[in-house]
Every structure is written in C-alpha cells, then in structure tokens.
N, C-alpha and C. Protein backbone atom coordinates (compact mmCIF):
# COMPACT_ATOMS: atom_id res chain seq x y z
N MET A 1 43.90 40.82 -6.08
CA MET A 1 42.88 40.70 -7.13
C MET A 1 41.57 40.87 -6.47
N ARG A 2 40.83 41.78 -6.92
CA ARG A 2 39.47 42.10 -6.50
C ARG A 2 38.47 41.44 -7.49
N LEU A 3 37.36 40.91 -6.93
CA LEU A 3 36.32 40.34 -7.87
C LEU A 3 35.34 41.42 -8.02
N ASP A 4 34.74 41.43 -9.20
CA ASP A 4 33.70 42.37 -9.52
C ASP A 4 32.39 41.93 -8.69
N ARG A 5 31.55 42.93 -8.49
CA ARG A 5 30.31 42.63 -7.78
C ARG A 5 29.41 41.63 -8.45
N ARG A 6 29.47 41.47 -9.71
CA ARG A 6 28.72 40.48 -10.42
C ARG A 6 29.20 39.12 -10.08
N TRP A 7 30.53 38.94 -9.93
CA TRP A 7 31.02 37.64 -9.57
C TRP A 7 30.62 37.26 -8.15
N TRP A 8 30.68 38.22 -7.21
CA TRP A 8 30.20 37.92 -5.78
C TRP A 8 28.75 37.50 -5.81
N LEU A 9 27.98 38.20 -6.54
CA LEU A 9 26.54 37.84 -6.75
C LEU A 9 26.31 36.44 -7.36
N ALA A 10 27.07 36.17 -8.32
CA ALA A 10 26.95 34.82 -8.94
C ALA A 10 27.39 33.67 -8.03
N ILE A 11 28.47 33.99 -7.20
CA ILE A 11 28.91 33.02 -6.18
C ILE A 11 27.90 32.78 -5.19
N ALA A 12 27.24 33.92 -4.66
CA ALA A 12 26.21 33.79 -3.70
C ALA A 12 24.94 33.03 -4.19
N VAL A 13 24.62 33.19 -5.43
CA VAL A 13 23.50 32.56 -6.02
C VAL A 13 23.77 31.06 -6.10
N VAL A 14 24.98 30.69 -6.48
CA VAL A 14 25.45 29.25 -6.62
C VAL A 14 25.39 28.66 -5.20
N ILE A 15 25.91 29.32 -4.23
CA ILE A 15 25.89 28.73 -2.92
C ILE A 15 24.43 28.59 -2.41
N ALA A 16 23.61 29.55 -2.66
CA ALA A 16 22.14 29.43 -2.23
C ALA A 16 21.53 28.26 -2.92
N VAL A 17 21.80 28.07 -4.22
CA VAL A 17 21.14 27.04 -4.99
C VAL A 17 21.64 25.67 -4.37
N ALA A 18 22.97 25.67 -4.10
CA ALA A 18 23.49 24.42 -3.47
C ALA A 18 22.93 24.09 -2.13
N ILE A 19 22.78 25.04 -1.36
CA ILE A 19 22.11 24.79 0.00
C ILE A 19 20.69 24.34 -0.17
N ALA A 20 19.95 24.98 -1.03
CA ALA A 20 18.57 24.65 -1.24
C ALA A 20 18.43 23.26 -1.69
N PHE A 21 19.38 22.79 -2.68
CA PHE A 21 19.37 21.52 -3.16
C PHE A 21 19.60 20.51 -2.07
N VAL A 22 20.64 20.70 -1.27
CA VAL A 22 20.96 19.75 -0.22
C VAL A 22 19.82 19.66 0.77
N LEU A 23 19.28 20.82 1.16
CA LEU A 23 18.04 20.79 2.12
C LEU A 23 16.92 20.01 1.52
N SER A 24 16.62 20.19 0.22
CA SER A 24 15.46 19.49 -0.39
C SER A 24 15.72 18.01 -0.43
N GLN A 25 16.99 17.56 -0.59
CA GLN A 25 17.25 16.16 -0.70
C GLN A 25 17.36 15.44 0.70
N THR A 26 17.61 16.21 1.75
CA THR A 26 17.79 15.67 3.06
C THR A 26 16.65 16.05 4.01
N VAL A 27 16.55 17.16 4.43
CA VAL A 27 15.55 17.60 5.43
C VAL A 27 14.09 17.50 4.92
N PHE A 28 13.83 18.03 3.79
CA PHE A 28 12.53 18.14 3.30
C PHE A 28 11.98 16.92 2.55
N SER A 29 12.88 15.97 2.24
CA SER A 29 12.38 14.82 1.54
C SER A 29 12.00 13.64 2.52
N ARG A 30 12.25 13.86 3.75
CA ARG A 30 11.89 12.77 4.75
C ARG A 30 10.31 12.78 4.85
N PRO A 31 9.82 11.60 5.13
CA PRO A 31 8.37 11.53 5.27
C PRO A 31 7.84 12.27 6.57
N SER A 32 6.75 12.91 6.50
CA SER A 32 6.27 13.62 7.73
C SER A 32 5.88 12.60 8.71
N GLU A 33 5.71 13.08 9.97
CA GLU A 33 5.31 12.18 11.02
C GLU A 33 3.94 11.55 10.64
N ASP A 34 3.04 12.19 10.05
CA ASP A 34 1.82 11.61 9.73
C ASP A 34 1.89 10.46 8.73
N CYS A 35 2.90 10.48 7.90
CA CYS A 35 3.11 9.45 6.85
C CYS A 35 3.98 8.27 7.28
N ARG A 36 4.60 8.35 8.33
CA ARG A 36 5.46 7.21 8.77
C ARG A 36 4.62 5.94 8.97
N PRO A 37 3.51 5.99 9.73
CA PRO A 37 2.62 4.83 9.90
C PRO A 37 2.13 4.33 8.54
N VAL A 38 1.82 5.18 7.64
CA VAL A 38 1.28 4.89 6.39
C VAL A 38 2.29 4.14 5.56
N LEU A 39 3.52 4.63 5.55
CA LEU A 39 4.60 4.02 4.80
C LEU A 39 4.89 2.60 5.40
N ASP A 40 4.75 2.43 6.77
CA ASP A 40 4.89 1.14 7.43
C ASP A 40 3.77 0.20 6.83
N LEU A 41 2.60 0.71 6.73
CA LEU A 41 1.44 -0.10 6.30
C LEU A 41 1.77 -0.46 4.80
N LEU A 42 2.12 0.41 4.00
CA LEU A 42 2.47 0.13 2.57
C LEU A 42 3.54 -0.88 2.42
N GLU A 43 4.60 -0.73 3.26
CA GLU A 43 5.73 -1.68 3.15
C GLU A 43 5.26 -3.12 3.60
N PHE A 44 4.43 -3.12 4.65
CA PHE A 44 3.91 -4.43 5.15
C PHE A 44 3.05 -5.09 4.08
N ASN A 45 2.17 -4.35 3.42
CA ASN A 45 1.30 -4.86 2.32
C ASN A 45 2.17 -5.43 1.27
N LYS A 46 3.22 -4.70 0.90
CA LYS A 46 4.04 -5.19 -0.27
C LYS A 46 4.78 -6.50 0.10
N ALA A 47 5.29 -6.58 1.37
CA ALA A 47 5.93 -7.86 1.84
C ALA A 47 5.00 -8.95 1.86
N GLN A 48 3.91 -8.68 2.46
CA GLN A 48 2.81 -9.87 2.55
C GLN A 48 2.29 -10.31 1.24
N SER A 49 2.07 -9.29 0.33
CA SER A 49 1.61 -9.65 -0.97
C SER A 49 2.61 -10.47 -1.64
N GLY A 50 3.85 -10.20 -1.56
CA GLY A 50 4.89 -11.03 -2.17
C GLY A 50 4.89 -12.46 -1.61
N LEU A 51 4.77 -12.55 -0.30
CA LEU A 51 4.75 -13.77 0.44
C LEU A 51 3.52 -14.62 -0.03
N ILE A 52 2.34 -13.94 -0.14
CA ILE A 52 1.10 -14.76 -0.48
C ILE A 52 1.32 -15.16 -1.98
N ALA A 53 1.82 -14.29 -2.89
CA ALA A 53 1.94 -14.63 -4.28
C ALA A 53 2.93 -15.75 -4.45
N SER A 54 3.99 -15.82 -3.61
CA SER A 54 4.93 -16.95 -3.83
C SER A 54 4.45 -18.29 -3.29
N ASN A 55 3.34 -18.22 -2.51
CA ASN A 55 2.70 -19.40 -1.92
C ASN A 55 1.70 -19.97 -2.88
N ASP A 56 0.89 -19.17 -3.51
CA ASP A 56 -0.15 -19.73 -4.45
C ASP A 56 0.04 -19.34 -5.88
N GLN A 57 1.24 -19.46 -6.33
CA GLN A 57 1.53 -19.17 -7.71
C GLN A 57 1.05 -20.09 -8.79
N ASP A 58 0.77 -21.35 -8.34
CA ASP A 58 0.29 -22.34 -9.29
C ASP A 58 -1.32 -22.60 -9.16
N ARG A 59 -1.81 -22.03 -8.14
CA ARG A 59 -3.25 -22.30 -7.88
C ARG A 59 -4.14 -21.10 -8.23
N ALA A 60 -5.30 -21.47 -8.78
CA ALA A 60 -6.32 -20.47 -9.15
C ALA A 60 -6.98 -19.99 -7.86
N VAL A 61 -7.28 -20.99 -6.92
CA VAL A 61 -8.06 -20.76 -5.77
C VAL A 61 -7.17 -20.99 -4.53
N PRO A 62 -7.06 -20.11 -3.66
CA PRO A 62 -6.25 -20.36 -2.47
C PRO A 62 -6.76 -21.48 -1.59
N THR A 63 -5.91 -22.23 -1.05
CA THR A 63 -6.29 -23.43 -0.17
C THR A 63 -6.57 -22.99 1.22
N VAL A 64 -7.17 -23.86 2.06
CA VAL A 64 -7.39 -23.64 3.49
C VAL A 64 -6.03 -23.26 4.06
N ALA A 65 -5.01 -23.84 3.73
CA ALA A 65 -3.65 -23.54 4.30
C ALA A 65 -3.27 -22.20 3.97
N ASP A 66 -3.69 -21.57 2.88
CA ASP A 66 -3.36 -20.21 2.51
C ASP A 66 -4.10 -19.21 3.21
N ASP A 67 -5.15 -19.62 3.96
CA ASP A 67 -6.02 -18.66 4.66
C ASP A 67 -5.20 -17.95 5.79
N ALA A 68 -4.28 -18.76 6.41
CA ALA A 68 -3.54 -18.09 7.46
C ALA A 68 -2.64 -16.91 7.01
N ALA A 69 -2.12 -17.04 5.83
CA ALA A 69 -1.27 -15.97 5.27
C ALA A 69 -2.20 -14.77 4.92
N TYR A 70 -3.29 -15.02 4.38
CA TYR A 70 -4.22 -13.97 4.09
C TYR A 70 -4.76 -13.27 5.30
N GLN A 71 -5.00 -14.06 6.35
CA GLN A 71 -5.57 -13.46 7.59
C GLN A 71 -4.44 -12.65 8.31
N GLN A 72 -3.16 -13.14 8.20
CA GLN A 72 -2.05 -12.27 8.73
C GLN A 72 -1.97 -11.04 8.11
N TRP A 73 -2.15 -11.02 6.72
CA TRP A 73 -2.13 -9.80 5.98
C TRP A 73 -3.25 -8.90 6.43
N ALA A 74 -4.44 -9.35 6.55
CA ALA A 74 -5.55 -8.48 6.92
C ALA A 74 -5.30 -7.97 8.37
N ASP A 75 -4.90 -8.83 9.17
CA ASP A 75 -4.70 -8.47 10.62
C ASP A 75 -3.57 -7.39 10.77
N GLY A 76 -2.53 -7.66 9.96
CA GLY A 76 -1.39 -6.78 9.95
C GLY A 76 -1.75 -5.38 9.41
N LEU A 77 -2.64 -5.26 8.40
CA LEU A 77 -3.08 -4.04 7.85
C LEU A 77 -3.95 -3.30 8.92
N ALA A 78 -4.82 -4.09 9.65
CA ALA A 78 -5.63 -3.44 10.71
C ALA A 78 -4.82 -2.89 11.81
N GLN A 79 -3.79 -3.65 12.24
CA GLN A 79 -2.92 -3.13 13.27
C GLN A 79 -2.23 -1.90 12.88
N ARG A 80 -1.68 -1.88 11.66
CA ARG A 80 -1.01 -0.69 11.18
C ARG A 80 -1.95 0.48 10.92
N ALA A 81 -3.18 0.22 10.47
CA ALA A 81 -4.11 1.26 10.18
C ALA A 81 -4.51 2.05 11.51
N GLN A 82 -4.50 1.36 12.63
CA GLN A 82 -4.78 1.91 13.96
C GLN A 82 -3.68 2.93 14.41
N LYS A 83 -2.53 2.77 13.78
CA LYS A 83 -1.42 3.67 14.23
C LYS A 83 -1.43 5.01 13.35
N VAL A 84 -2.21 4.99 12.32
CA VAL A 84 -2.32 6.19 11.53
C VAL A 84 -3.15 7.30 12.25
N SER A 85 -2.51 8.42 12.38
CA SER A 85 -3.25 9.42 13.22
C SER A 85 -3.83 10.62 12.43
N ALA A 86 -3.27 10.92 11.30
CA ALA A 86 -3.86 12.03 10.47
C ALA A 86 -5.32 11.59 10.02
N PRO A 87 -6.33 12.47 10.30
CA PRO A 87 -7.68 12.06 10.04
C PRO A 87 -7.96 11.50 8.65
N ASP A 88 -7.51 12.31 7.60
CA ASP A 88 -7.81 11.85 6.27
C ASP A 88 -7.00 10.57 5.92
N LEU A 89 -5.88 10.38 6.40
CA LEU A 89 -5.06 9.19 6.08
C LEU A 89 -5.58 7.98 6.98
N ALA A 90 -6.07 8.29 8.21
CA ALA A 90 -6.56 7.21 9.05
C ALA A 90 -7.86 6.65 8.51
N ALA A 91 -8.75 7.53 7.93
CA ALA A 91 -9.98 7.01 7.31
C ALA A 91 -9.68 6.11 6.18
N ARG A 92 -8.76 6.41 5.38
CA ARG A 92 -8.40 5.60 4.23
C ARG A 92 -7.79 4.28 4.72
N ALA A 93 -6.86 4.41 5.69
CA ALA A 93 -6.21 3.17 6.22
C ALA A 93 -7.18 2.23 6.83
N ILE A 94 -8.09 2.68 7.54
CA ILE A 94 -9.09 1.84 8.28
C ILE A 94 -10.04 1.33 7.22
N HIS A 95 -10.37 2.09 6.21
CA HIS A 95 -11.21 1.56 5.05
C HIS A 95 -10.47 0.34 4.38
N LEU A 96 -9.20 0.58 4.11
CA LEU A 96 -8.35 -0.48 3.56
C LEU A 96 -8.36 -1.72 4.34
N ALA A 97 -8.19 -1.60 5.70
CA ALA A 97 -8.19 -2.78 6.51
C ALA A 97 -9.50 -3.52 6.48
N ASP A 98 -10.61 -2.75 6.45
CA ASP A 98 -11.98 -3.33 6.45
C ASP A 98 -12.09 -4.11 5.16
N LEU A 99 -11.68 -3.50 4.07
CA LEU A 99 -11.80 -4.17 2.81
C LEU A 99 -10.97 -5.51 2.70
N ALA A 100 -9.84 -5.40 3.28
CA ALA A 100 -9.00 -6.65 3.41
C ALA A 100 -9.70 -7.73 4.17
N ASN A 101 -10.32 -7.35 5.32
CA ASN A 101 -11.00 -8.29 6.14
C ASN A 101 -12.22 -8.94 5.35
N GLN A 102 -12.97 -8.08 4.60
CA GLN A 102 -13.96 -8.55 3.79
C GLN A 102 -13.47 -9.60 2.67
N PHE A 103 -12.29 -9.28 2.09
CA PHE A 103 -11.70 -10.13 1.10
C PHE A 103 -11.46 -11.50 1.65
N VAL A 104 -10.78 -11.47 2.85
CA VAL A 104 -10.41 -12.80 3.46
C VAL A 104 -11.65 -13.58 3.94
N ALA A 105 -12.63 -12.87 4.37
CA ALA A 105 -13.91 -13.61 4.77
C ALA A 105 -14.52 -14.27 3.61
N LYS A 106 -14.29 -13.91 2.38
CA LYS A 106 -14.95 -14.44 1.24
C LYS A 106 -14.17 -15.62 0.73
N LEU A 107 -13.02 -16.00 1.23
CA LEU A 107 -12.13 -17.05 0.74
C LEU A 107 -12.85 -18.48 0.88
N PRO A 108 -13.48 -18.74 1.96
CA PRO A 108 -14.20 -20.04 2.13
C PRO A 108 -15.30 -20.15 1.06
N ARG A 109 -16.06 -19.04 0.91
CA ARG A 109 -17.07 -19.07 -0.15
C ARG A 109 -16.57 -19.32 -1.56
N LEU A 110 -15.40 -18.74 -1.79
CA LEU A 110 -14.75 -18.81 -3.17
C LEU A 110 -14.43 -20.32 -3.29
N ARG A 111 -13.79 -20.92 -2.29
CA ARG A 111 -13.32 -22.36 -2.45
C ARG A 111 -14.60 -23.25 -2.60
N ALA A 112 -15.70 -23.09 -1.84
CA ALA A 112 -16.77 -23.91 -2.00
C ALA A 112 -17.45 -23.71 -3.40
N ALA A 113 -17.50 -22.45 -3.80
CA ALA A 113 -18.08 -22.26 -5.13
C ALA A 113 -17.34 -22.83 -6.25
N SER A 114 -15.96 -22.80 -6.13
CA SER A 114 -15.19 -23.33 -7.15
C SER A 114 -15.13 -24.90 -7.24
N GLN A 115 -15.41 -25.48 -6.02
CA GLN A 115 -15.32 -26.94 -6.01
C GLN A 115 -16.67 -27.51 -6.56
N SER A 116 -17.72 -26.77 -6.43
CA SER A 116 -19.01 -27.24 -6.93
C SER A 116 -19.38 -26.77 -8.33
N ARG A 117 -18.44 -26.02 -8.92
CA ARG A 117 -18.72 -25.43 -10.28
C ARG A 117 -18.45 -26.50 -11.23
N ALA A 118 -19.31 -26.57 -12.29
CA ALA A 118 -19.17 -27.50 -13.40
C ALA A 118 -18.05 -26.87 -14.42
N PRO A 119 -17.33 -27.72 -15.02
CA PRO A 119 -16.37 -27.17 -15.99
C PRO A 119 -17.07 -26.41 -17.12
N GLY A 120 -16.54 -25.34 -17.40
CA GLY A 120 -17.11 -24.40 -18.45
C GLY A 120 -18.21 -23.52 -18.00
N ALA A 121 -18.64 -23.66 -16.74
CA ALA A 121 -19.72 -22.90 -16.20
C ALA A 121 -19.18 -21.42 -16.01
N PRO A 122 -20.03 -20.37 -15.94
CA PRO A 122 -19.56 -19.11 -15.66
C PRO A 122 -18.99 -18.92 -14.20
N ALA A 123 -18.15 -17.96 -13.99
CA ALA A 123 -17.60 -17.79 -12.73
C ALA A 123 -18.73 -17.48 -11.69
N PRO A 124 -18.59 -18.06 -10.48
CA PRO A 124 -19.56 -17.72 -9.43
C PRO A 124 -19.53 -16.34 -9.01
N PRO A 125 -20.61 -15.67 -8.57
CA PRO A 125 -20.75 -14.37 -8.12
C PRO A 125 -19.65 -13.91 -7.07
N VAL A 126 -19.19 -14.85 -6.28
CA VAL A 126 -18.19 -14.47 -5.29
C VAL A 126 -16.89 -14.01 -6.04
N VAL A 127 -16.59 -14.56 -7.16
CA VAL A 127 -15.40 -14.21 -7.89
C VAL A 127 -15.51 -12.68 -8.24
N HIS A 128 -16.71 -12.31 -8.69
CA HIS A 128 -16.87 -10.87 -9.07
C HIS A 128 -16.77 -9.97 -7.85
N GLU A 129 -17.32 -10.43 -6.66
CA GLU A 129 -17.39 -9.66 -5.51
C GLU A 129 -15.86 -9.44 -5.03
N MET A 130 -15.11 -10.57 -5.05
CA MET A 130 -13.74 -10.45 -4.63
C MET A 130 -12.86 -9.58 -5.58
N SER A 131 -13.26 -9.67 -6.85
CA SER A 131 -12.54 -8.83 -7.83
C SER A 131 -12.75 -7.33 -7.55
N THR A 132 -14.12 -7.08 -7.21
CA THR A 132 -14.42 -5.65 -6.87
C THR A 132 -13.65 -5.21 -5.59
N LEU A 133 -13.66 -6.13 -4.64
CA LEU A 133 -12.89 -5.73 -3.38
C LEU A 133 -11.45 -5.53 -3.69
N ASN A 134 -10.93 -6.42 -4.49
CA ASN A 134 -9.47 -6.25 -4.79
C ASN A 134 -9.23 -4.87 -5.53
N ASP A 135 -10.17 -4.46 -6.42
CA ASP A 135 -10.01 -3.19 -7.05
C ASP A 135 -9.97 -2.03 -6.08
N ARG A 136 -10.89 -2.16 -5.16
CA ARG A 136 -11.07 -1.05 -4.05
C ARG A 136 -9.88 -1.05 -3.16
N ILE A 137 -9.29 -2.29 -2.84
CA ILE A 137 -8.08 -2.34 -2.05
C ILE A 137 -6.94 -1.58 -2.85
N LEU A 138 -6.80 -1.99 -4.05
CA LEU A 138 -5.73 -1.40 -4.87
C LEU A 138 -5.94 0.11 -4.94
N HIS A 139 -7.12 0.60 -5.09
CA HIS A 139 -7.47 2.06 -5.11
C HIS A 139 -6.99 2.73 -3.81
N GLU A 140 -7.31 2.08 -2.63
CA GLU A 140 -6.96 2.71 -1.32
C GLU A 140 -5.47 2.71 -1.19
N LEU A 141 -4.85 1.70 -1.56
CA LEU A 141 -3.35 1.58 -1.51
C LEU A 141 -2.73 2.64 -2.32
N ASP A 142 -3.31 2.88 -3.48
CA ASP A 142 -2.77 3.84 -4.44
C ASP A 142 -3.00 5.30 -3.89
N GLU A 143 -4.11 5.55 -3.27
CA GLU A 143 -4.34 6.91 -2.71
C GLU A 143 -3.45 7.06 -1.55
N LEU A 144 -3.26 6.06 -0.68
CA LEU A 144 -2.35 6.30 0.46
C LEU A 144 -0.93 6.50 0.00
N SER A 145 -0.56 5.83 -1.05
CA SER A 145 0.84 5.97 -1.64
C SER A 145 1.03 7.29 -2.21
N LYS A 146 -0.02 7.84 -2.91
CA LYS A 146 0.07 9.21 -3.49
C LYS A 146 0.20 10.25 -2.40
N ALA A 147 -0.43 10.07 -1.33
CA ALA A 147 -0.53 10.99 -0.17
C ALA A 147 0.84 11.10 0.58
N CYS A 148 1.55 9.95 0.53
CA CYS A 148 2.71 9.85 1.36
C CYS A 148 4.04 9.52 0.67
N VAL A 149 4.02 9.21 -0.51
CA VAL A 149 5.26 8.88 -1.20
C VAL A 149 5.72 9.99 -2.15
C-alpha cells in the first residue's frame, strides 16, 4: 500500500508541529541565565513576605521583635540583587533592595509615631511615606516578574 504525497506531507507537518511543541515546553520555556537570579530574588521575597505576614497578622504596627524578620527580608533582597548580572534587571533589583532598606529603616519611626498618636488623629506622615515605598516595591517586583516569568 502506497501513501499519497498529501498524506506524507500531512504526516511531516504533524511531526514538525509535535517537535516544535515539545521544544517550546522544554528547552525554550526554561528561564534564561539572566533571569535565574531574578527568579531566586522573587521566590525569596514571596517566602519572606509569607513569613512576615504570618508573624504580624493581628498587629497594625510591627513590633521591635518583628524588625529582625523585616531586616532579614531587606538583607536577603540586597544579597540576591547583587547576583543579578543583566544590566537592566540589575538596576531594578538594586533599586528594589534599596527601597526595602528604606522601608525597614522607617519602622522605628512608625512605631514611635503610632504610640504618641491620639485616638482618632490622622495617620502620621511616616505611614504615607511607607505606603509609597510599598507601592514602589510592588512596582519593581512586578516589573522584574514581567521580565523573567
């Protein structure tokens, strides 16, 4: 039994599509070498954020004891940011680490302001500053994630 040329062509197309699909799911879907340190940074951030959230779930203001977890988060981001070598990604990662350090540095001011605040008084300026820093941190994380995920 001989197959018509159209059948051979159809079989070849199906095989080519199958090979392309397998390659796209295996070889080409792996993160690039430039993105591996970024993915490590993003995974670390996710893990630390979960740890921090589980520790201060009932408190509006982190305690002095929580400072260590926040500092570990900021230090870990800084360590991982130094490992990012692609220039555009490295700039974002370093900026992210700097923002995290700024955020952690404001924690004592936040605690002091919240302890001296009268009930019903407006939020102290440090709350707005930290909120802005948090938004910028989330933006950098989002941009790094878009670049590498």
